[in-house]
């Protein structure tokens, strides 16, 4: 059995220290890019990344979430494809990202929980 060294910290003190370190690390990793790149806000590379990274990430997330659809067995991907269609339609119509994503997700969860397409 491995020997555990006593650090003098009880469980609560240790947890508070761990949470503090995680908070500081998260804060600095969020602030550091802004602090280091504040003078480069108009740099062409940063403008390019700011414009094309969000749609690229959304595309990857959509493809990842639709990867497991079985088009050879009932319901043949109907819940996923219908929810995706609702999301895209609402977004193109209303241009409200939060509403379109929430509506598509709510529809999908309703269909999956009630078995409407099965």
PDB file of N, CA and C in Angstrom:
ATOM      1  N   UNK A   1       0.842  -1.162   0.000  1.00  0.00           N
ATOM      2  CA  UNK A   1       0.000   0.000   0.000  1.00  0.00           C
ATOM      3  C   UNK A   1       0.898   1.239   0.000  1.00  0.00           C
ATOM      4  N   UNK A   2       0.529   2.214  -0.812  1.00  0.00           N
ATOM      5  CA  UNK A   2       1.334   3.419  -0.944  1.00  0.00           C
ATOM      6  C   UNK A   2       1.231   4.269   0.309  1.00  0.00           C
ATOM      7  N   UNK A   3       2.341   4.892   0.651  1.00  0.00           N
ATOM      8  CA  UNK A   3       2.373   5.766   1.811  1.00  0.00           C
ATOM      9  C   UNK A   3       1.831   7.129   1.420  1.00  0.00           C
ATOM     10  N   UNK A   4       0.877   7.637   2.167  1.00  0.00           N
ATOM     11  CA  UNK A   4       0.280   8.937   1.908  1.00  0.00           C
ATOM     12  C   UNK A   4       0.902   9.935   2.874  1.00  0.00           C
ATOM     13  N   UNK A   5       1.464  10.988   2.319  1.00  0.00           N
ATOM     14  CA  UNK A   5       2.126  11.999   3.133  1.00  0.00           C
ATOM     15  C   UNK A   5       1.086  12.956   3.708  1.00  0.00           C
ATOM     16  N   UNK A   6       1.202  13.289   4.961  1.00  0.00           N
ATOM     17  CA  UNK A   6       0.285  14.227   5.610  1.00  0.00           C
ATOM     18  C   UNK A   6       0.729  15.642   5.275  1.00  0.00           C
ATOM     19  N   UNK A   7      -0.147  16.411   4.625  1.00  0.00           N
ATOM     20  CA  UNK A   7       0.186  17.779   4.242  1.00  0.00           C
ATOM     21  C   UNK A   7      -0.251  18.787   5.284  1.00  0.00           C
ATOM     22  N   UNK A   8      -0.952  18.353   6.296  1.00  0.00           N
ATOM     23  CA  UNK A   8      -1.431  19.261   7.313  1.00  0.00           C
ATOM     24  C   UNK A   8      -2.763  19.897   6.955  1.00  0.00           C
ATOM     25  N   UNK A   9      -3.293  19.541   5.810  1.00  0.00           N
ATOM     26  CA  UNK A   9      -4.581  20.096   5.393  1.00  0.00           C
ATOM     27  C   UNK A   9      -5.669  19.076   5.651  1.00  0.00           C
ATOM     28  N   UNK A  10      -6.784  19.561   6.184  1.00  0.00           N
ATOM     29  CA  UNK A  10      -7.921  18.660   6.305  1.00  0.00           C
ATOM     30  C   UNK A  10      -8.675  18.658   4.977  1.00  0.00           C
ATOM     31  N   UNK A  11      -9.716  17.884   4.872  1.00  0.00           N
ATOM     32  CA  UNK A  11     -10.439  17.741   3.615  1.00  0.00           C
ATOM     33  C   UNK A  11     -11.036  19.035   3.099  1.00  0.00           C
ATOM     34  N   UNK A  12     -11.593  19.838   3.993  1.00  0.00           N
ATOM     35  CA  UNK A  12     -12.215  21.092   3.579  1.00  0.00           C
ATOM     36  C   UNK A  12     -11.176  22.082   3.071  1.00  0.00           C
ATOM     37  N   UNK A  13     -10.077  22.208   3.789  1.00  0.00           N
ATOM     38  CA  UNK A  13      -9.004  23.121   3.367  1.00  0.00           C
ATOM     39  C   UNK A  13      -8.449  22.695   2.014  1.00  0.00           C
ATOM     40  N   UNK A  14      -8.268  21.411   1.839  1.00  0.00           N
ATOM     41  CA  UNK A  14      -7.747  20.895   0.568  1.00  0.00           C
ATOM     42  C   UNK A  14      -8.704  21.221  -0.577  1.00  0.00           C
ATOM     43  N   UNK A  15     -10.008  20.994  -0.374  1.00  0.00           N
ATOM     44  CA  UNK A  15     -10.984  21.286  -1.417  1.00  0.00           C
ATOM     45  C   UNK A  15     -11.025  22.772  -1.755  1.00  0.00           C
ATOM     46  N   UNK A  16     -10.949  23.626  -0.751  1.00  0.00           N
ATOM     47  CA  UNK A  16     -10.935  25.068  -1.004  1.00  0.00           C
ATOM     48  C   UNK A  16      -9.687  25.455  -1.786  1.00  0.00           C
ATOM     49  N   UNK A  17      -8.549  24.864  -1.450  1.00  0.00           N
ATOM     50  CA  UNK A  17      -7.310  25.146  -2.181  1.00  0.00           C
ATOM     51  C   UNK A  17      -7.402  24.685  -3.636  1.00  0.00           C
ATOM     52  N   UNK A  18      -7.942  23.510  -3.856  1.00  0.00           N
ATOM     53  CA  UNK A  18      -8.091  22.989  -5.218  1.00  0.00           C
ATOM     54  C   UNK A  18      -9.028  23.873  -6.028  1.00  0.00           C
ATOM     55  N   UNK A  19     -10.144  24.260  -5.453  1.00  0.00           N
ATOM     56  CA  UNK A  19     -11.094  25.137  -6.147  1.00  0.00           C
ATOM     57  C   UNK A  19     -10.446  26.485  -6.447  1.00  0.00           C
ATOM     58  N   UNK A  20      -9.664  27.002  -5.518  1.00  0.00           N
ATOM     59  CA  UNK A  20      -8.957  28.264  -5.749  1.00  0.00           C
ATOM     60  C   UNK A  20      -7.962  28.182  -6.890  1.00  0.00           C
ATOM     61  N   UNK A  21      -7.203  27.096  -6.935  1.00  0.00           N
ATOM     62  CA  UNK A  21      -6.234  26.915  -8.024  1.00  0.00           C
ATOM     63  C   UNK A  21      -6.960  26.767  -9.358  1.00  0.00           C
ATOM     64  N   UNK A  22      -8.029  25.997  -9.390  1.00  0.00           N
ATOM     65  CA  UNK A  22      -8.788  25.827 -10.635  1.00  0.00           C
ATOM     66  C   UNK A  22      -9.410  27.142 -11.087  1.00  0.00           C
ATOM     67  N   UNK A  23      -9.913  27.921 -10.137  1.00  0.00           N
ATOM     68  CA  UNK A  23     -10.498  29.223 -10.472  1.00  0.00           C
ATOM     69  C   UNK A  23      -9.443  30.147 -11.065  1.00  0.00           C
ATOM     70  N   UNK A  24      -8.288  30.211 -10.431  1.00  0.00           N
ATOM     71  CA  UNK A  24      -7.211  31.071 -10.923  1.00  0.00           C
ATOM     72  C   UNK A  24      -6.746  30.627 -12.308  1.00  0.00           C
ATOM     73  N   UNK A  25      -6.578  29.330 -12.501  1.00  0.00           N
ATOM     74  CA  UNK A  25      -6.137  28.831 -13.805  1.00  0.00           C
ATOM     75  C   UNK A  25      -7.157  29.146 -14.888  1.00  0.00           C
ATOM     76  N   UNK A  26      -8.423  28.957 -14.593  1.00  0.00           N
ATOM     77  CA  UNK A  26      -9.475  29.264 -15.564  1.00  0.00           C
ATOM     78  C   UNK A  26      -9.510  30.751 -15.871  1.00  0.00           C
ATOM     79  N   UNK A  27      -9.431  31.577 -14.836  1.00  0.00           N
ATOM     80  CA  UNK A  27      -9.456  33.020 -15.027  1.00  0.00           C
ATOM     81  C   UNK A  27      -8.287  33.473 -15.907  1.00  0.00           C
ATOM     82  N   UNK A  28      -7.089  33.010 -15.603  1.00  0.00           N
ATOM     83  CA  UNK A  28      -5.927  33.459 -16.364  1.00  0.00           C
ATOM     84  C   UNK A  28      -5.923  32.938 -17.794  1.00  0.00           C
ATOM     85  N   UNK A  29      -6.428  31.734 -18.021  1.00  0.00           N
ATOM     86  CA  UNK A  29      -6.486  31.252 -19.402  1.00  0.00           C
ATOM     87  C   UNK A  29      -7.533  31.998 -20.211  1.00  0.00           C
ATOM     88  N   UNK A  30      -8.534  32.584 -19.560  1.00  0.00           N
ATOM     89  CA  UNK A  30      -9.529  33.396 -20.268  1.00  0.00           C
ATOM     90  C   UNK A  30      -9.032  34.819 -20.497  1.00  0.00           C
ATOM     91  N   UNK A  31      -8.303  35.380 -19.528  1.00  0.00           N
ATOM     92  CA  UNK A  31      -7.850  36.768 -19.604  1.00  0.00           C
ATOM     93  C   UNK A  31      -6.581  36.915 -20.440  1.00  0.00           C
ATOM     94  N   UNK A  32      -5.706  35.947 -20.390  1.00  0.00           N
ATOM     95  CA  UNK A  32      -4.396  36.043 -21.034  1.00  0.00           C
ATOM     96  C   UNK A  32      -4.458  36.392 -22.522  1.00  0.00           C
ATOM     97  N   UNK A  33      -5.295  35.739 -23.329  1.00  0.00           N
ATOM     98  CA  UNK A  33      -5.336  36.118 -24.748  1.00  0.00           C
ATOM     99  C   UNK A  33      -5.735  37.574 -24.966  1.00  0.00           C
ATOM    100  N   UNK A  34      -6.679  38.069 -24.183  1.00  0.00           N
ATOM    101  CA  UNK A  34      -7.096  39.464 -24.332  1.00  0.00           C
ATOM    102  C   UNK A  34      -5.986  40.411 -23.907  1.00  0.00           C
ATOM    103  N   UNK A  35      -5.283  40.064 -22.853  1.00  0.00           N
ATOM    104  CA  UNK A  35      -4.205  40.923 -22.363  1.00  0.00           C
ATOM    105  C   UNK A  35      -3.031  40.940 -23.350  1.00  0.00           C
ATOM    106  N   UNK A  36      -2.698  39.788 -23.906  1.00  0.00           N
ATOM    107  CA  UNK A  36      -1.548  39.709 -24.806  1.00  0.00           C
ATOM    108  C   UNK A  36      -1.849  40.246 -26.201  1.00  0.00           C
ATOM    109  N   UNK A  37      -3.095  40.129 -26.643  1.00  0.00           N
ATOM    110  CA  UNK A  37      -3.427  40.486 -28.028  1.00  0.00           C
ATOM    111  C   UNK A  37      -4.241  41.773 -28.139  1.00  0.00           C
ATOM    112  N   UNK A  38      -4.267  42.587 -27.092  1.00  0.00           N
ATOM    113  CA  UNK A  38      -5.096  43.796 -27.127  1.00  0.00           C
ATOM    114  C   UNK A  38      -4.646  44.780 -28.201  1.00  0.00           C
ATOM    115  N   UNK A  39      -3.362  44.814 -28.527  1.00  0.00           N
ATOM    116  CA  UNK A  39      -2.856  45.730 -29.551  1.00  0.00           C
ATOM    117  C   UNK A  39      -2.979  45.155 -30.958  1.00  0.00           C
ATOM    118  N   UNK A  40      -3.435  43.924 -31.069  1.00  0.00           N
ATOM    119  CA  UNK A  40      -3.526  43.259 -32.370  1.00  0.00           C
ATOM    120  C   UNK A  40      -4.975  42.990 -32.773  1.00  0.00           C
ATOM    121  N   UNK A  41      -5.915  43.760 -32.263  1.00  0.00           N
ATOM    122  CA  UNK A  41      -7.334  43.507 -32.504  1.00  0.00           C
ATOM    123  C   UNK A  41      -7.693  43.577 -33.980  1.00  0.00           C
ATOM    124  N   UNK A  42      -6.976  44.362 -34.767  1.00  0.00           N
ATOM    125  CA  UNK A  42      -7.271  44.503 -36.190  1.00  0.00           C
ATOM    126  C   UNK A  42      -6.365  43.652 -37.075  1.00  0.00           C
ATOM    127  N   UNK A  43      -5.648  42.712 -36.477  1.00  0.00           N
ATOM    128  CA  UNK A  43      -4.764  41.850 -37.260  1.00  0.00           C
ATOM    129  C   UNK A  43      -5.616  40.942 -38.157  1.00  0.00           C
ATOM    130  N   UNK A  44      -5.226  40.784 -39.434  1.00  0.00           N
ATOM    131  CA  UNK A  44      -6.034  39.978 -40.363  1.00  0.00           C
ATOM    132  C   UNK A  44      -6.274  38.537 -39.902  1.00  0.00           C
ATOM    133  N   UNK A  45      -5.295  37.934 -39.249  1.00  0.00           N
ATOM    134  CA  UNK A  45      -5.476  36.556 -38.783  1.00  0.00           C
ATOM    135  C   UNK A  45      -6.548  36.487 -37.700  1.00  0.00           C
ATOM    136  N   UNK A  46      -6.522  37.424 -36.757  1.00  0.00           N
ATOM    137  CA  UNK A  46      -7.534  37.426 -35.705  1.00  0.00           C
ATOM    138  C   UNK A  46      -8.921  37.730 -36.255  1.00  0.00           C
ATOM    139  N   UNK A  47      -9.011  38.619 -37.223  1.00  0.00           N
ATOM    140  CA  UNK A  47     -10.303  38.900 -37.853  1.00  0.00           C
ATOM    141  C   UNK A  47     -10.826  37.672 -38.588  1.00  0.00           C
ATOM    142  N   UNK A  48      -9.936  36.962 -39.272  1.00  0.00           N
ATOM    143  CA  UNK A  48     -10.312  35.737 -39.981  1.00  0.00           C
ATOM    144  C   UNK A  48     -10.817  34.683 -38.997  1.00  0.00           C
ATOM    145  N   UNK A  49     -10.056  34.463 -37.921  1.00  0.00           N
ATOM    146  CA  UNK A  49     -10.455  33.466 -36.927  1.00  0.00           C
ATOM    147  C   UNK A  49     -11.773  33.848 -36.255  1.00  0.00           C
ATOM    148  N   UNK A  50     -11.951  35.123 -35.970  1.00  0.00           N
ATOM    149  CA  UNK A  50     -13.190  35.574 -35.346  1.00  0.00           C
ATOM    150  C   UNK A  50     -14.398  35.392 -36.243  1.00  0.00           C
ATOM    151  N   UNK A  51     -14.163  35.473 -37.544  1.00  0.00           N
ATOM    152  CA  UNK A  51     -15.281  35.346 -38.476  1.00  0.00           C
ATOM    153  C   UNK A  51     -15.623  33.887 -38.787  1.00  0.00           C
ATOM    154  N   UNK A  52     -14.617  33.046 -38.966  1.00  0.00           N
ATOM    155  CA  UNK A  52     -14.865  31.689 -39.466  1.00  0.00           C
ATOM    156  C   UNK A  52     -14.814  30.585 -38.413  1.00  0.00           C
ATOM    157  N   UNK A  53     -14.272  30.838 -37.239  1.00  0.00           N
ATOM    158  CA  UNK A  53     -14.200  29.786 -36.229  1.00  0.00           C
ATOM    159  C   UNK A  53     -15.578  29.395 -35.684  1.00  0.00           C
ATOM    160  N   UNK A  54     -16.452  30.332 -35.309  1.00  0.00           N
ATOM    161  CA  UNK A  54     -17.764  29.909 -34.776  1.00  0.00           C
ATOM    162  C   UNK A  54     -18.581  29.044 -35.738  1.00  0.00           C
ATOM    163  N   UNK A  55     -18.715  29.402 -37.035  1.00  0.00           N
ATOM    164  CA  UNK A  55     -19.467  28.503 -37.917  1.00  0.00           C
ATOM    165  C   UNK A  55     -18.776  27.148 -38.109  1.00  0.00           C
ATOM    166  N   UNK A  56     -17.459  27.140 -38.102  1.00  0.00           N
ATOM    167  CA  UNK A  56     -16.739  25.863 -38.253  1.00  0.00           C
ATOM    168  C   UNK A  56     -16.990  24.964 -37.049  1.00  0.00           C
ATOM    169  N   UNK A  57     -16.971  25.529 -35.855  1.00  0.00           N
ATOM    170  CA  UNK A  57     -17.218  24.742 -34.652  1.00  0.00           C
ATOM    171  C   UNK A  57     -18.658  24.234 -34.632  1.00  0.00           C
ATOM    172  N   UNK A  58     -19.612  25.080 -35.020  1.00  0.00           N
ATOM    173  CA  UNK A  58     -21.007  24.645 -35.071  1.00  0.00           C
ATOM    174  C   UNK A  58     -21.192  23.506 -36.073  1.00  0.00           C
ATOM    175  N   UNK A  59     -20.538  23.596 -37.220  1.00  0.00           N
ATOM    176  CA  UNK A  59     -20.622  22.527 -38.220  1.00  0.00           C
ATOM    177  C   UNK A  59     -20.068  21.227 -37.667  1.00  0.00           C
ATOM    178  N   UNK A  60     -18.938  21.285 -36.996  1.00  0.00           N
ATOM    179  CA  UNK A  60     -18.349  20.086 -36.398  1.00  0.00           C
ATOM    180  C   UNK A  60     -19.284  19.496 -35.345  1.00  0.00           C
ATOM    181  N   UNK A  61     -19.883  20.343 -34.509  1.00  0.00           N
ATOM    182  CA  UNK A  61     -20.808  19.852 -33.483  1.00  0.00           C
ATOM    183  C   UNK A  61     -22.049  19.201 -34.090  1.00  0.00           C
ATOM    184  N   UNK A  62     -22.577  19.788 -35.153  1.00  0.00           N
ATOM    185  CA  UNK A  62     -23.760  19.213 -35.811  1.00  0.00           C
ATOM    186  C   UNK A  62     -23.408  17.865 -36.421  1.00  0.00           C
ATOM    187  N   UNK A  63     -22.312  17.800 -37.138  1.00  0.00           N
ATOM    188  CA  UNK A  63     -21.904  16.528 -37.745  1.00  0.00           C
ATOM    189  C   UNK A  63     -21.628  15.475 -36.682  1.00  0.00           C
ATOM    190  N   UNK A  64     -21.012  15.877 -35.592  1.00  0.00           N
ATOM    191  CA  UNK A  64     -20.729  14.935 -34.504  1.00  0.00           C
ATOM    192  C   UNK A  64     -22.022  14.416 -33.880  1.00  0.00           C
ATOM    193  N   UNK A  65     -22.988  15.303 -33.699  1.00  0.00           N
ATOM    194  CA  UNK A  65     -24.237  14.867 -33.068  1.00  0.00           C
ATOM    195  C   UNK A  65     -25.102  14.026 -34.003  1.00  0.00           C
ATOM    196  N   UNK A  66     -24.945  14.178 -35.302  1.00  0.00           N
ATOM    197  CA  UNK A  66     -25.739  13.399 -36.257  1.00  0.00           C
ATOM    198  C   UNK A  66     -25.032  12.128 -36.731  1.00  0.00           C
ATOM    199  N   UNK A  67     -23.843  11.857 -36.236  1.00  0.00           N
ATOM    200  CA  UNK A  67     -23.055  10.727 -36.722  1.00  0.00           C
ATOM    201  C   UNK A  67     -23.675   9.369 -36.425  1.00  0.00           C
ATOM    202  N   UNK A  68     -24.478   9.281 -35.359  1.00  0.00           N
ATOM    203  CA  UNK A  68     -25.006   7.992 -34.949  1.00  0.00           C
ATOM    204  C   UNK A  68     -26.383   7.665 -35.498  1.00  0.00           C
ATOM    205  N   UNK A  69     -26.860   8.428 -36.461  1.00  0.00           N
ATOM    206  CA  UNK A  69     -28.191   8.174 -37.009  1.00  0.00           C
ATOM    207  C   UNK A  69     -28.161   6.885 -37.829  1.00  0.00           C
ATOM    208  N   UNK A  70     -29.119   6.005 -37.556  1.00  0.00           N
ATOM    209  CA  UNK A  70     -29.246   4.773 -38.322  1.00  0.00           C
ATOM    210  C   UNK A  70     -30.371   4.959 -39.340  1.00  0.00           C
ATOM    211  N   UNK A  71     -29.981   5.151 -40.587  1.00  0.00           N
ATOM    212  CA  UNK A  71     -30.965   5.379 -41.647  1.00  0.00           C
ATOM    213  C   UNK A  71     -31.562   4.089 -42.190  1.00  0.00           C
ATOM    214  N   UNK A  72     -31.120   2.933 -41.655  1.00  0.00           N
ATOM    215  CA  UNK A  72     -31.615   1.652 -42.154  1.00  0.00           C
ATOM    216  C   UNK A  72     -32.680   1.033 -41.244  1.00  0.00           C
ATOM    217  N   UNK A  73     -32.937   1.655 -40.087  1.00  0.00           N
ATOM    218  CA  UNK A  73     -33.924   1.109 -39.148  1.00  0.00           C
ATOM    219  C   UNK A  73     -34.854   2.230 -38.695  1.00  0.00           C
ATOM    220  N   UNK A  74     -36.083   1.844 -38.350  1.00  0.00           N
ATOM    221  CA  UNK A  74     -37.066   2.834 -37.896  1.00  0.00           C
ATOM    222  C   UNK A  74     -36.530   3.537 -36.661  1.00  0.00           C
ATOM    223  N   UNK A  75     -36.720   4.789 -36.548  1.00  0.00           N
ATOM    224  CA  UNK A  75     -37.487   5.737 -37.342  1.00  0.00           C
ATOM    225  C   UNK A  75     -36.687   6.415 -38.457  1.00  0.00           C
ATOM    226  N   UNK A  76     -35.582   5.817 -38.875  1.00  0.00           N
ATOM    227  CA  UNK A  76     -34.799   6.272 -40.038  1.00  0.00           C
ATOM    228  C   UNK A  76     -34.253   7.692 -39.883  1.00  0.00           C
ATOM    229  N   UNK A  77     -33.936   8.085 -38.658  1.00  0.00           N
ATOM    230  CA  UNK A  77     -33.361   9.401 -38.412  1.00  0.00           C
ATOM    231  C   UNK A  77     -34.361  10.535 -38.424  1.00  0.00           C
ATOM    232  N   UNK A  78     -35.648  10.217 -38.409  1.00  0.00           N
ATOM    233  CA  UNK A  78     -36.678  11.263 -38.472  1.00  0.00           C
ATOM    234  C   UNK A  78     -36.612  12.247 -37.311  1.00  0.00           C
ATOM    235  N   UNK A  79     -36.433  11.815 -36.058  1.00  0.00           N
ATOM    236  CA  UNK A  79     -36.374  12.805 -34.976  1.00  0.00           C
ATOM    237  C   UNK A  79     -35.203  13.783 -35.131  1.00  0.00           C
ATOM    238  N   UNK A  80     -34.033  13.255 -35.452  1.00  0.00           N
ATOM    239  CA  UNK A  80     -32.849  14.094 -35.587  1.00  0.00           C
ATOM    240  C   UNK A  80     -32.968  15.052 -36.763  1.00  0.00           C
ATOM    241  N   UNK A  81     -33.413  14.521 -37.891  1.00  0.00           N
ATOM    242  CA  UNK A  81     -33.497  15.357 -39.085  1.00  0.00           C
ATOM    243  C   UNK A  81     -34.612  16.400 -38.957  1.00  0.00           C
ATOM    244  N   UNK A  82     -35.729  16.041 -38.338  1.00  0.00           N
ATOM    245  CA  UNK A  82     -36.810  17.012 -38.138  1.00  0.00           C
ATOM    246  C   UNK A  82     -36.386  18.106 -37.167  1.00  0.00           C
ATOM    247  N   UNK A  83     -35.725  17.724 -36.080  1.00  0.00           N
ATOM    248  CA  UNK A  83     -35.236  18.720 -35.125  1.00  0.00           C
ATOM    249  C   UNK A  83     -34.209  19.634 -35.780  1.00  0.00           C
ATOM    250  N   UNK A  84     -33.354  19.084 -36.615  1.00  0.00           N
ATOM    251  CA  UNK A  84     -32.372  19.902 -37.335  1.00  0.00           C
ATOM    252  C   UNK A  84     -33.063  20.858 -38.289  1.00  0.00           C
ATOM    253  N   UNK A  85     -34.075  20.378 -38.979  1.00  0.00           N
ATOM    254  CA  UNK A  85     -34.825  21.228 -39.902  1.00  0.00           C
ATOM    255  C   UNK A  85     -35.542  22.358 -39.160  1.00  0.00           C
ATOM    256  N   UNK A  86     -36.116  22.052 -38.019  1.00  0.00           N
ATOM    257  CA  UNK A  86     -36.768  23.085 -37.198  1.00  0.00           C
ATOM    258  C   UNK A  86     -35.749  24.130 -36.766  1.00  0.00           C
ATOM    259  N   UNK A  87     -34.592  23.674 -36.319  1.00  0.00           N
ATOM    260  CA  UNK A  87     -33.550  24.598 -35.865  1.00  0.00           C
ATOM    261  C   UNK A  87     -33.094  25.515 -36.990  1.00  0.00           C
ATOM    262  N   UNK A  88     -32.812  24.944 -38.151  1.00  0.00           N
ATOM    263  CA  UNK A  88     -32.334  25.742 -39.288  1.00  0.00           C
ATOM    264  C   UNK A  88     -33.414  26.705 -39.764  1.00  0.00           C
ATOM    265  N   UNK A  89     -34.647  26.221 -39.872  1.00  0.00           N
ATOM    266  CA  UNK A  89     -35.745  27.073 -40.340  1.00  0.00           C
ATOM    267  C   UNK A  89     -35.977  28.258 -39.411  1.00  0.00           C
ATOM    268  N   UNK A  90     -36.036  27.988 -38.111  1.00  0.00           N
ATOM    269  CA  UNK A  90     -36.240  29.076 -37.156  1.00  0.00           C
ATOM    270  C   UNK A  90     -35.078  30.063 -37.173  1.00  0.00           C
ATOM    271  N   UNK A  91     -33.867  29.538 -37.331  1.00  0.00           N
ATOM    272  CA  UNK A  91     -32.717  30.447 -37.351  1.00  0.00           C
ATOM    273  C   UNK A  91     -32.722  31.332 -38.595  1.00  0.00           C
ATOM    274  N   UNK A  92     -33.040  30.757 -39.735  1.00  0.00           N
ATOM    275  CA  UNK A  92     -33.080  31.558 -40.963  1.00  0.00           C
ATOM    276  C   UNK A  92     -34.233  32.555 -40.939  1.00  0.00           C
ATOM    277  N   UNK A  93     -35.323  32.177 -40.294  1.00  0.00           N
ATOM    278  CA  UNK A  93     -36.498  33.048 -40.251  1.00  0.00           C
ATOM    279  C   UNK A  93     -36.342  34.170 -39.223  1.00  0.00           C
ATOM    280  N   UNK A  94     -35.960  33.808 -37.979  1.00  0.00           N
ATOM    281  CA  UNK A  94     -35.947  34.781 -36.894  1.00  0.00           C
ATOM    282  C   UNK A  94     -34.563  35.327 -36.549  1.00  0.00           C
ATOM    283  N   UNK A  95     -33.516  34.667 -36.997  1.00  0.00           N
ATOM    284  CA  UNK A  95     -32.133  35.065 -36.692  1.00  0.00           C
ATOM    285  C   UNK A  95     -31.875  35.144 -35.188  1.00  0.00           C
ATOM    286  N   UNK A  96     -32.485  34.223 -34.455  1.00  0.00           N
ATOM    287  CA  UNK A  96     -32.303  34.168 -33.013  1.00  0.00           C
ATOM    288  C   UNK A  96     -31.705  32.806 -32.671  1.00  0.00           C
ATOM    289  N   UNK A  97     -30.407  32.801 -32.443  1.00  0.00           N
ATOM    290  CA  UNK A  97     -29.693  31.545 -32.229  1.00  0.00           C
ATOM    291  C   UNK A  97     -30.223  30.788 -31.016  1.00  0.00           C
ATOM    292  N   UNK A  98     -30.404  31.486 -29.917  1.00  0.00           N
ATOM    293  CA  UNK A  98     -30.861  30.828 -28.696  1.00  0.00           C
ATOM    294  C   UNK A  98     -32.238  30.192 -28.880  1.00  0.00           C
ATOM    295  N   UNK A  99     -33.159  30.927 -29.498  1.00  0.00           N
ATOM    296  CA  UNK A  99     -34.503  30.402 -29.718  1.00  0.00           C
ATOM    297  C   UNK A  99     -34.486  29.205 -30.663  1.00  0.00           C
ATOM    298  N   UNK A 100     -33.714  29.289 -31.725  1.00  0.00           N
ATOM    299  CA  UNK A 100     -33.702  28.189 -32.695  1.00  0.00           C
ATOM    300  C   UNK A 100     -33.084  26.926 -32.102  1.00  0.00           C
ATOM    301  N   UNK A 101     -31.986  27.061 -31.372  1.00  0.00           N
ATOM    302  CA  UNK A 101     -31.352  25.883 -30.764  1.00  0.00           C
ATOM    303  C   UNK A 101     -32.251  25.296 -29.683  1.00  0.00           C
ATOM    304  N   UNK A 102     -32.839  26.156 -28.847  1.00  0.00           N
ATOM    305  CA  UNK A 102     -33.729  25.673 -27.796  1.00  0.00           C
ATOM    306  C   UNK A 102     -34.944  24.960 -28.387  1.00  0.00           C
ATOM    307  N   UNK A 103     -35.529  25.516 -29.430  1.00  0.00           N
ATOM    308  CA  UNK A 103     -36.724  24.917 -30.039  1.00  0.00           C
ATOM    309  C   UNK A 103     -36.415  23.557 -30.656  1.00  0.00           C
ATOM    310  N   UNK A 104     -35.319  23.467 -31.383  1.00  0.00           N
ATOM    311  CA  UNK A 104     -34.932  22.187 -31.975  1.00  0.00           C
ATOM    312  C   UNK A 104     -34.636  21.137 -30.921  1.00  0.00           C
ATOM    313  N   UNK A 105     -33.943  21.550 -29.865  1.00  0.00           N
ATOM    314  CA  UNK A 105     -33.632  20.620 -28.775  1.00  0.00           C
ATOM    315  C   UNK A 105     -34.893  20.184 -28.048  1.00  0.00           C
ATOM    316  N   UNK A 106     -35.791  21.124 -27.762  1.00  0.00           N
ATOM    317  CA  UNK A 106     -37.037  20.786 -27.076  1.00  0.00           C
ATOM    318  C   UNK A 106     -37.879  19.832 -27.915  1.00  0.00           C
ATOM    319  N   UNK A 107     -37.958  20.094 -29.222  1.00  0.00           N
ATOM    320  CA  UNK A 107     -38.706  19.198 -30.100  1.00  0.00           C
ATOM    321  C   UNK A 107     -38.096  17.798 -30.084  1.00  0.00           C
ATOM    322  N   UNK A 108     -36.781  17.727 -30.212  1.00  0.00           N
ATOM    323  CA  UNK A 108     -36.108  16.430 -30.227  1.00  0.00           C
ATOM    324  C   UNK A 108     -36.350  15.672 -28.915  1.00  0.00           C
ATOM    325  N   UNK A 109     -36.217  16.358 -27.779  1.00  0.00           N
ATOM    326  CA  UNK A 109     -36.422  15.689 -26.498  1.00  0.00           C
ATOM    327  C   UNK A 109     -37.872  15.227 -26.343  1.00  0.00           C
ATOM    328  N   UNK A 110     -38.819  16.034 -26.799  1.00  0.00           N
ATOM    329  CA  UNK A 110     -40.228  15.638 -26.750  1.00  0.00           C
ATOM    330  C   UNK A 110     -40.457  14.378 -27.581  1.00  0.00           C
ATOM    331  N   UNK A 111     -39.915  14.356 -28.792  1.00  0.00           N
ATOM    332  CA  UNK A 111     -40.108  13.207 -29.685  1.00  0.00           C
ATOM    333  C   UNK A 111     -39.450  11.958 -29.112  1.00  0.00           C
ATOM    334  N   UNK A 112     -38.260  12.090 -28.586  1.00  0.00           N
ATOM    335  CA  UNK A 112     -37.555  10.935 -28.035  1.00  0.00           C
ATOM    336  C   UNK A 112     -38.272  10.402 -26.784  1.00  0.00           C
ATOM    337  N   UNK A 113     -38.742  11.308 -25.933  1.00  0.00           N
ATOM    338  CA  UNK A 113     -39.387  10.875 -24.688  1.00  0.00           C
ATOM    339  C   UNK A 113     -40.775  10.300 -24.920  1.00  0.00           C
ATOM    340  N   UNK A 114     -41.501  10.805 -25.914  1.00  0.00           N
ATOM    341  CA  UNK A 114     -42.855  10.315 -26.164  1.00  0.00           C
ATOM    342  C   UNK A 114     -42.919   9.216 -27.195  1.00  0.00           C
ATOM    343  N   UNK A 115     -41.866   9.068 -28.009  1.00  0.00           N
ATOM    344  CA  UNK A 115     -41.856   8.022 -29.030  1.00  0.00           C
ATOM    345  C   UNK A 115     -42.758   8.336 -30.205  1.00  0.00           C
ATOM    346  N   UNK A 116     -42.926   9.582 -30.547  1.00  0.00           N
ATOM    347  CA  UNK A 116     -43.842   9.982 -31.623  1.00  0.00           C
ATOM    348  C   UNK A 116     -43.475   9.333 -32.958  1.00  0.00           C
ATOM    349  N   UNK A 117     -42.196   9.273 -33.290  1.00  0.00           N
ATOM    350  CA  UNK A 117     -41.787   8.737 -34.586  1.00  0.00           C
ATOM    351  C   UNK A 117     -41.545   7.246 -34.615  1.00  0.00           C
ATOM    352  N   UNK A 118     -41.758   6.578 -33.485  1.00  0.00           N
ATOM    353  CA  UNK A 118     -41.469   5.142 -33.445  1.00  0.00           C
ATOM    354  C   UNK A 118     -42.666   4.346 -33.858  1.00  0.00           C
TER     355      UNK A 118
END
